[in-house]
Amino acid sequence: MQVFKTLANKINTAARKFDQDQDGMETMQIVMIIAVAAIVLLFVKNQWGTISGWADGLIGQITSWQG
């Protein structure tokens, strides 16, 4: 268990040093954007059937509408 605490402390220290550098900040921002995009894509992938059905319904309503 002590090994994990030591490893976590080393990673935390390295991340803080990296975060204090301007180039490190830009890199962290890019990584965070990619992470958020990945989460959104996973959500869309898991809900694709629902999203697709909803979109098909809307398209059907639009194309079948007659004034």
PDB file of N, CA and C in Angstrom:
ATOM      1  N   MET A   1       0.827  -1.183   0.000  1.00  0.00           N
ATOM      2  CA  MET A   1       0.000   0.000   0.000  1.00  0.00           C
ATOM      3  C   MET A   1       0.873   1.248   0.000  1.00  0.00           C
ATOM      4  N   GLN A   2       1.981   1.201   0.686  1.00  0.00           N
ATOM      5  CA  GLN A   2       2.895   2.340   0.756  1.00  0.00           C
ATOM      6  C   GLN A   2       3.459   2.657  -0.626  1.00  0.00           C
ATOM      7  N   VAL A   3       3.639   1.629  -1.441  1.00  0.00           N
ATOM      8  CA  VAL A   3       4.176   1.826  -2.785  1.00  0.00           C
ATOM      9  C   VAL A   3       3.220   2.692  -3.603  1.00  0.00           C
ATOM     10  N   PHE A   4       1.912   2.450  -3.476  1.00  0.00           N
ATOM     11  CA  PHE A   4       0.926   3.229  -4.219  1.00  0.00           C
ATOM     12  C   PHE A   4       0.894   4.681  -3.749  1.00  0.00           C
ATOM     13  N   LYS A   5       1.031   4.893  -2.436  1.00  0.00           N
ATOM     14  CA  LYS A   5       1.049   6.258  -1.901  1.00  0.00           C
ATOM     15  C   LYS A   5       2.273   7.011  -2.406  1.00  0.00           C
ATOM     16  N   THR A   6       3.423   6.345  -2.420  1.00  0.00           N
ATOM     17  CA  THR A   6       4.651   6.969  -2.907  1.00  0.00           C
ATOM     18  C   THR A   6       4.527   7.297  -4.390  1.00  0.00           C
ATOM     19  N   LEU A   7       4.000   6.370  -5.160  1.00  0.00           N
ATOM     20  CA  LEU A   7       3.815   6.591  -6.585  1.00  0.00           C
ATOM     21  C   LEU A   7       2.834   7.734  -6.833  1.00  0.00           C
ATOM     22  N   ALA A   8       1.742   7.763  -6.081  1.00  0.00           N
ATOM     23  CA  ALA A   8       0.746   8.833  -6.229  1.00  0.00           C
ATOM     24  C   ALA A   8       1.361  10.188  -5.877  1.00  0.00           C
ATOM     25  N   ASN A   9       2.185  10.241  -4.843  1.00  0.00           N
ATOM     26  CA  ASN A   9       2.837  11.490  -4.467  1.00  0.00           C
ATOM     27  C   ASN A   9       3.800  11.959  -5.551  1.00  0.00           C
ATOM     28  N   LYS A  10       4.541  11.036  -6.138  1.00  0.00           N
ATOM     29  CA  LYS A  10       5.472  11.402  -7.213  1.00  0.00           C
ATOM     30  C   LYS A  10       4.731  11.925  -8.434  1.00  0.00           C
ATOM     31  N   ILE A  11       3.637  11.266  -8.793  1.00  0.00           N
ATOM     32  CA  ILE A  11       2.833  11.713  -9.936  1.00  0.00           C
ATOM     33  C   ILE A  11       2.238  13.083  -9.645  1.00  0.00           C
ATOM     34  N   ASN A  12       1.740  13.269  -8.448  1.00  0.00           N
ATOM     35  CA  ASN A  12       1.151  14.544  -8.055  1.00  0.00           C
ATOM     36  C   ASN A  12       2.190  15.665  -8.111  1.00  0.00           C
ATOM     37  N   THR A  13       3.385  15.411  -7.601  1.00  0.00           N
ATOM     38  CA  THR A  13       4.451  16.404  -7.627  1.00  0.00           C
ATOM     39  C   THR A  13       4.854  16.747  -9.057  1.00  0.00           C
ATOM     40  N   ALA A  14       4.978  15.734  -9.895  1.00  0.00           N
ATOM     41  CA  ALA A  14       5.345  15.966 -11.291  1.00  0.00           C
ATOM     42  C   ALA A  14       4.256  16.749 -12.016  1.00  0.00           C
ATOM     43  N   ALA A  15       3.004  16.437 -11.751  1.00  0.00           N
ATOM     44  CA  ALA A  15       1.897  17.144 -12.399  1.00  0.00           C
ATOM     45  C   ALA A  15       1.861  18.600 -11.964  1.00  0.00           C
ATOM     46  N   ARG A  16       2.132  18.866 -10.690  1.00  0.00           N
ATOM     47  CA  ARG A  16       2.142  20.260 -10.210  1.00  0.00           C
ATOM     48  C   ARG A  16       3.274  21.057 -10.853  1.00  0.00           C
ATOM     49  N   LYS A  17       4.443  20.452 -10.976  1.00  0.00           N
ATOM     50  CA  LYS A  17       5.558  21.138 -11.634  1.00  0.00           C
ATOM     51  C   LYS A  17       5.235  21.396 -13.100  1.00  0.00           C
ATOM     52  N   PHE A  18       4.642  20.409 -13.751  1.00  0.00           N
ATOM     53  CA  PHE A  18       4.285  20.530 -15.160  1.00  0.00           C
ATOM     54  C   PHE A  18       3.213  21.595 -15.339  1.00  0.00           C
ATOM     55  N   ASP A  19       2.277  21.671 -14.399  1.00  0.00           N
ATOM     56  CA  ASP A  19       1.163  22.600 -14.478  1.00  0.00           C
ATOM     57  C   ASP A  19       1.613  24.046 -14.285  1.00  0.00           C
ATOM     58  N   GLN A  20       2.697  24.278 -13.573  1.00  0.00           N
ATOM     59  CA  GLN A  20       3.166  25.633 -13.302  1.00  0.00           C
ATOM     60  C   GLN A  20       3.848  26.250 -14.515  1.00  0.00           C
ATOM     61  N   ASP A  21       4.287  25.458 -15.445  1.00  0.00           N
ATOM     62  CA  ASP A  21       4.931  25.934 -16.656  1.00  0.00           C
ATOM     63  C   ASP A  21       3.865  26.350 -17.664  1.00  0.00           C
ATOM     64  N   GLN A  22       4.094  27.432 -18.421  1.00  0.00           N
ATOM     65  CA  GLN A  22       3.122  27.911 -19.393  1.00  0.00           C
ATOM     66  C   GLN A  22       2.854  26.862 -20.474  1.00  0.00           C
ATOM     67  N   ASP A  23       3.904  26.234 -20.973  1.00  0.00           N
ATOM     68  CA  ASP A  23       3.716  25.173 -21.966  1.00  0.00           C
ATOM     69  C   ASP A  23       2.938  24.011 -21.364  1.00  0.00           C
ATOM     70  N   GLY A  24       3.178  23.749 -20.112  1.00  0.00           N
ATOM     71  CA  GLY A  24       2.455  22.688 -19.423  1.00  0.00           C
ATOM     72  C   GLY A  24       0.972  23.008 -19.315  1.00  0.00           C
ATOM     73  N   MET A  25       0.652  24.281 -19.085  1.00  0.00           N
ATOM     74  CA  MET A  25      -0.746  24.703 -19.004  1.00  0.00           C
ATOM     75  C   MET A  25      -1.455  24.481 -20.337  1.00  0.00           C
ATOM     76  N   GLU A  26      -0.800  24.841 -21.423  1.00  0.00           N
ATOM     77  CA  GLU A  26      -1.398  24.656 -22.740  1.00  0.00           C
ATOM     78  C   GLU A  26      -1.618  23.177 -23.028  1.00  0.00           C
ATOM     79  N   THR A  27      -0.655  22.368 -22.663  1.00  0.00           N
ATOM     80  CA  THR A  27      -0.783  20.926 -22.876  1.00  0.00           C
ATOM     81  C   THR A  27      -1.909  20.353 -22.033  1.00  0.00           C
ATOM     82  N   MET A  28      -2.010  20.795 -20.793  1.00  0.00           N
ATOM     83  CA  MET A  28      -3.082  20.318 -19.916  1.00  0.00           C
ATOM     84  C   MET A  28      -4.447  20.723 -20.463  1.00  0.00           C
ATOM     85  N   GLN A  29      -4.558  21.918 -21.030  1.00  0.00           N
ATOM     86  CA  GLN A  29      -5.818  22.352 -21.612  1.00  0.00           C
ATOM     87  C   GLN A  29      -6.202  21.468 -22.796  1.00  0.00           C
ATOM     88  N   ILE A  30      -5.237  21.141 -23.629  1.00  0.00           N
ATOM     89  CA  ILE A  30      -5.499  20.285 -24.782  1.00  0.00           C
ATOM     90  C   ILE A  30      -5.932  18.897 -24.320  1.00  0.00           C
ATOM     91  N   VAL A  31      -5.250  18.368 -23.316  1.00  0.00           N
ATOM     92  CA  VAL A  31      -5.604  17.042 -22.786  1.00  0.00           C
ATOM     93  C   VAL A  31      -7.014  17.063 -22.211  1.00  0.00           C
ATOM     94  N   MET A  32      -7.372  18.131 -21.507  1.00  0.00           N
ATOM     95  CA  MET A  32      -8.711  18.233 -20.929  1.00  0.00           C
ATOM     96  C   MET A  32      -9.782  18.333 -22.017  1.00  0.00           C
ATOM     97  N   ILE A  33      -9.501  19.078 -23.081  1.00  0.00           N
ATOM     98  CA  ILE A  33     -10.452  19.180 -24.190  1.00  0.00           C
ATOM     99  C   ILE A  33     -10.658  17.812 -24.833  1.00  0.00           C
ATOM    100  N   ILE A  34      -9.568  17.090 -25.032  1.00  0.00           N
ATOM    101  CA  ILE A  34      -9.664  15.746 -25.621  1.00  0.00           C
ATOM    102  C   ILE A  34     -10.450  14.818 -24.697  1.00  0.00           C
ATOM    103  N   ALA A  35     -10.224  14.926 -23.397  1.00  0.00           N
ATOM    104  CA  ALA A  35     -10.943  14.079 -22.438  1.00  0.00           C
ATOM    105  C   ALA A  35     -12.445  14.363 -22.470  1.00  0.00           C
ATOM    106  N   VAL A  36     -12.817  15.636 -22.506  1.00  0.00           N
ATOM    107  CA  VAL A  36     -14.238  15.990 -22.559  1.00  0.00           C
ATOM    108  C   VAL A  36     -14.853  15.499 -23.867  1.00  0.00           C
ATOM    109  N   ALA A  37     -14.130  15.675 -24.974  1.00  0.00           N
ATOM    110  CA  ALA A  37     -14.632  15.203 -26.263  1.00  0.00           C
ATOM    111  C   ALA A  37     -14.825  13.685 -26.244  1.00  0.00           C
ATOM    112  N   ALA A  38     -13.906  12.961 -25.623  1.00  0.00           N
ATOM    113  CA  ALA A  38     -14.018  11.504 -25.540  1.00  0.00           C
ATOM    114  C   ALA A  38     -15.245  11.099 -24.730  1.00  0.00           C
ATOM    115  N   ILE A  39     -15.521  11.809 -23.654  1.00  0.00           N
ATOM    116  CA  ILE A  39     -16.688  11.506 -22.829  1.00  0.00           C
ATOM    117  C   ILE A  39     -17.969  11.752 -23.619  1.00  0.00           C
ATOM    118  N   VAL A  40     -18.010  12.869 -24.355  1.00  0.00           N
ATOM    119  CA  VAL A  40     -19.190  13.170 -25.174  1.00  0.00           C
ATOM    120  C   VAL A  40     -19.381  12.101 -26.245  1.00  0.00           C
ATOM    121  N   LEU A  41     -18.293  11.698 -26.892  1.00  0.00           N
ATOM    122  CA  LEU A  41     -18.397  10.665 -27.928  1.00  0.00           C
ATOM    123  C   LEU A  41     -18.863   9.327 -27.355  1.00  0.00           C
ATOM    124  N   LEU A  42     -18.392   8.975 -26.172  1.00  0.00           N
ATOM    125  CA  LEU A  42     -18.851   7.738 -25.534  1.00  0.00           C
ATOM    126  C   LEU A  42     -20.339   7.804 -25.212  1.00  0.00           C
ATOM    127  N   PHE A  43     -20.800   8.963 -24.743  1.00  0.00           N
ATOM    128  CA  PHE A  43     -22.219   9.123 -24.460  1.00  0.00           C
ATOM    129  C   PHE A  43     -23.046   8.964 -25.735  1.00  0.00           C
ATOM    130  N   VAL A  44     -22.612   9.621 -26.802  1.00  0.00           N
ATOM    131  CA  VAL A  44     -23.334   9.530 -28.071  1.00  0.00           C
ATOM    132  C   VAL A  44     -23.328   8.095 -28.576  1.00  0.00           C
ATOM    133  N   LYS A  45     -22.196   7.421 -28.462  1.00  0.00           N
ATOM    134  CA  LYS A  45     -22.112   6.026 -28.912  1.00  0.00           C
ATOM    135  C   LYS A  45     -23.090   5.144 -28.138  1.00  0.00           C
ATOM    136  N   ASN A  46     -23.167   5.336 -26.830  1.00  0.00           N
ATOM    137  CA  ASN A  46     -24.050   4.507 -26.013  1.00  0.00           C
ATOM    138  C   ASN A  46     -25.524   4.835 -26.236  1.00  0.00           C
ATOM    139  N   GLN A  47     -25.834   6.062 -26.586  1.00  0.00           N
ATOM    140  CA  GLN A  47     -27.216   6.498 -26.764  1.00  0.00           C
ATOM    141  C   GLN A  47     -27.606   6.636 -28.234  1.00  0.00           C
ATOM    142  N   TRP A  48     -26.802   6.091 -29.144  1.00  0.00           N
ATOM    143  CA  TRP A  48     -27.012   6.316 -30.576  1.00  0.00           C
ATOM    144  C   TRP A  48     -28.391   5.868 -31.048  1.00  0.00           C
ATOM    145  N   GLY A  49     -28.897   4.750 -30.553  1.00  0.00           N
ATOM    146  CA  GLY A  49     -30.213   4.273 -30.964  1.00  0.00           C
ATOM    147  C   GLY A  49     -31.299   5.280 -30.624  1.00  0.00           C
ATOM    148  N   THR A  50     -31.259   5.828 -29.436  1.00  0.00           N
ATOM    149  CA  THR A  50     -32.238   6.824 -29.008  1.00  0.00           C
ATOM    150  C   THR A  50     -32.108   8.102 -29.817  1.00  0.00           C
ATOM    151  N   ILE A  51     -30.880   8.563 -30.002  1.00  0.00           N
ATOM    152  CA  ILE A  51     -30.624   9.793 -30.754  1.00  0.00           C
ATOM    153  C   ILE A  51     -31.062   9.629 -32.201  1.00  0.00           C
ATOM    154  N   SER A  52     -30.737   8.498 -32.793  1.00  0.00           N
ATOM    155  CA  SER A  52     -31.087   8.235 -34.186  1.00  0.00           C
ATOM    156  C   SER A  52     -32.608   8.182 -34.361  1.00  0.00           C
ATOM    157  N   GLY A  53     -33.308   7.513 -33.461  1.00  0.00           N
ATOM    158  CA  GLY A  53     -34.765   7.446 -33.530  1.00  0.00           C
ATOM    159  C   GLY A  53     -35.404   8.818 -33.389  1.00  0.00           C
ATOM    160  N   TRP A  54     -34.883   9.615 -32.465  1.00  0.00           N
ATOM    161  CA  TRP A  54     -35.391  10.974 -32.258  1.00  0.00           C
ATOM    162  C   TRP A  54     -35.175  11.823 -33.512  1.00  0.00           C
ATOM    163  N   ALA A  55     -33.980  11.744 -34.108  1.00  0.00           N
ATOM    164  CA  ALA A  55     -33.674  12.514 -35.316  1.00  0.00           C
ATOM    165  C   ALA A  55     -34.545  12.045 -36.488  1.00  0.00           C
ATOM    166  N   ASP A  56     -34.729  10.749 -36.632  1.00  0.00           N
ATOM    167  CA  ASP A  56     -35.587  10.227 -37.702  1.00  0.00           C
ATOM    168  C   ASP A  56     -37.023  10.722 -37.545  1.00  0.00           C
ATOM    169  N   GLY A  57     -37.508  10.765 -36.316  1.00  0.00           N
ATOM    170  CA  GLY A  57     -38.853  11.271 -36.056  1.00  0.00           C
ATOM    171  C   GLY A  57     -38.992  12.734 -36.440  1.00  0.00           C
ATOM    172  N   LEU A  58     -37.994  13.536 -36.070  1.00  0.00           N
ATOM    173  CA  LEU A  58     -38.030  14.956 -36.429  1.00  0.00           C
ATOM    174  C   LEU A  58     -37.977  15.154 -37.939  1.00  0.00           C
ATOM    175  N   ILE A  59     -37.109  14.418 -38.597  1.00  0.00           N
ATOM    176  CA  ILE A  59     -37.001  14.529 -40.067  1.00  0.00           C
ATOM    177  C   ILE A  59     -38.306  14.101 -40.714  1.00  0.00           C
ATOM    178  N   GLY A  60     -38.917  13.046 -40.189  1.00  0.00           N
ATOM    179  CA  GLY A  60     -40.207  12.600 -40.719  1.00  0.00           C
ATOM    180  C   GLY A  60     -41.279  13.660 -40.557  1.00  0.00           C
ATOM    181  N   GLN A  61     -41.310  14.337 -39.416  1.00  0.00           N
ATOM    182  CA  GLN A  61     -42.280  15.399 -39.198  1.00  0.00           C
ATOM    183  C   GLN A  61     -42.055  16.563 -40.147  1.00  0.00           C
ATOM    184  N   ILE A  62     -40.797  16.904 -40.385  1.00  0.00           N
ATOM    185  CA  ILE A  62     -40.481  18.033 -41.251  1.00  0.00           C
ATOM    186  C   ILE A  62     -40.826  17.719 -42.700  1.00  0.00           C
ATOM    187  N   THR A  63     -40.470  16.532 -43.152  1.00  0.00           N
ATOM    188  CA  THR A  63     -40.677  16.191 -44.553  1.00  0.00           C
ATOM    189  C   THR A  63     -42.135  15.854 -44.872  1.00  0.00           C
ATOM    190  N   SER A  64     -42.919  15.462 -43.870  1.00  0.00           N
ATOM    191  CA  SER A  64     -44.314  15.114 -44.141  1.00  0.00           C
ATOM    192  C   SER A  64     -45.250  16.294 -43.872  1.00  0.00           C
ATOM    193  N   TRP A  65     -44.731  17.405 -43.421  1.00  0.00           N
ATOM    194  CA  TRP A  65     -45.573  18.561 -43.118  1.00  0.00           C
ATOM    195  C   TRP A  65     -46.062  19.219 -44.399  1.00  0.00           C
ATOM    196  N   GLN A  66     -47.323  19.493 -44.423  1.00  0.00           N
ATOM    197  CA  GLN A  66     -47.913  20.169 -45.591  1.00  0.00           C
ATOM    198  C   GLN A  66     -48.768  21.321 -45.105  1.00  0.00           C
ATOM    199  N   GLY A  67     -48.483  22.495 -45.650  1.00  0.00           N
ATOM    200  CA  GLY A  67     -49.172  23.689 -45.207  1.00  0.00           C
ATOM    201  C   GLY A  67     -50.403  23.913 -45.892  1.00  0.00           C
TER     202      GLY A  67
END
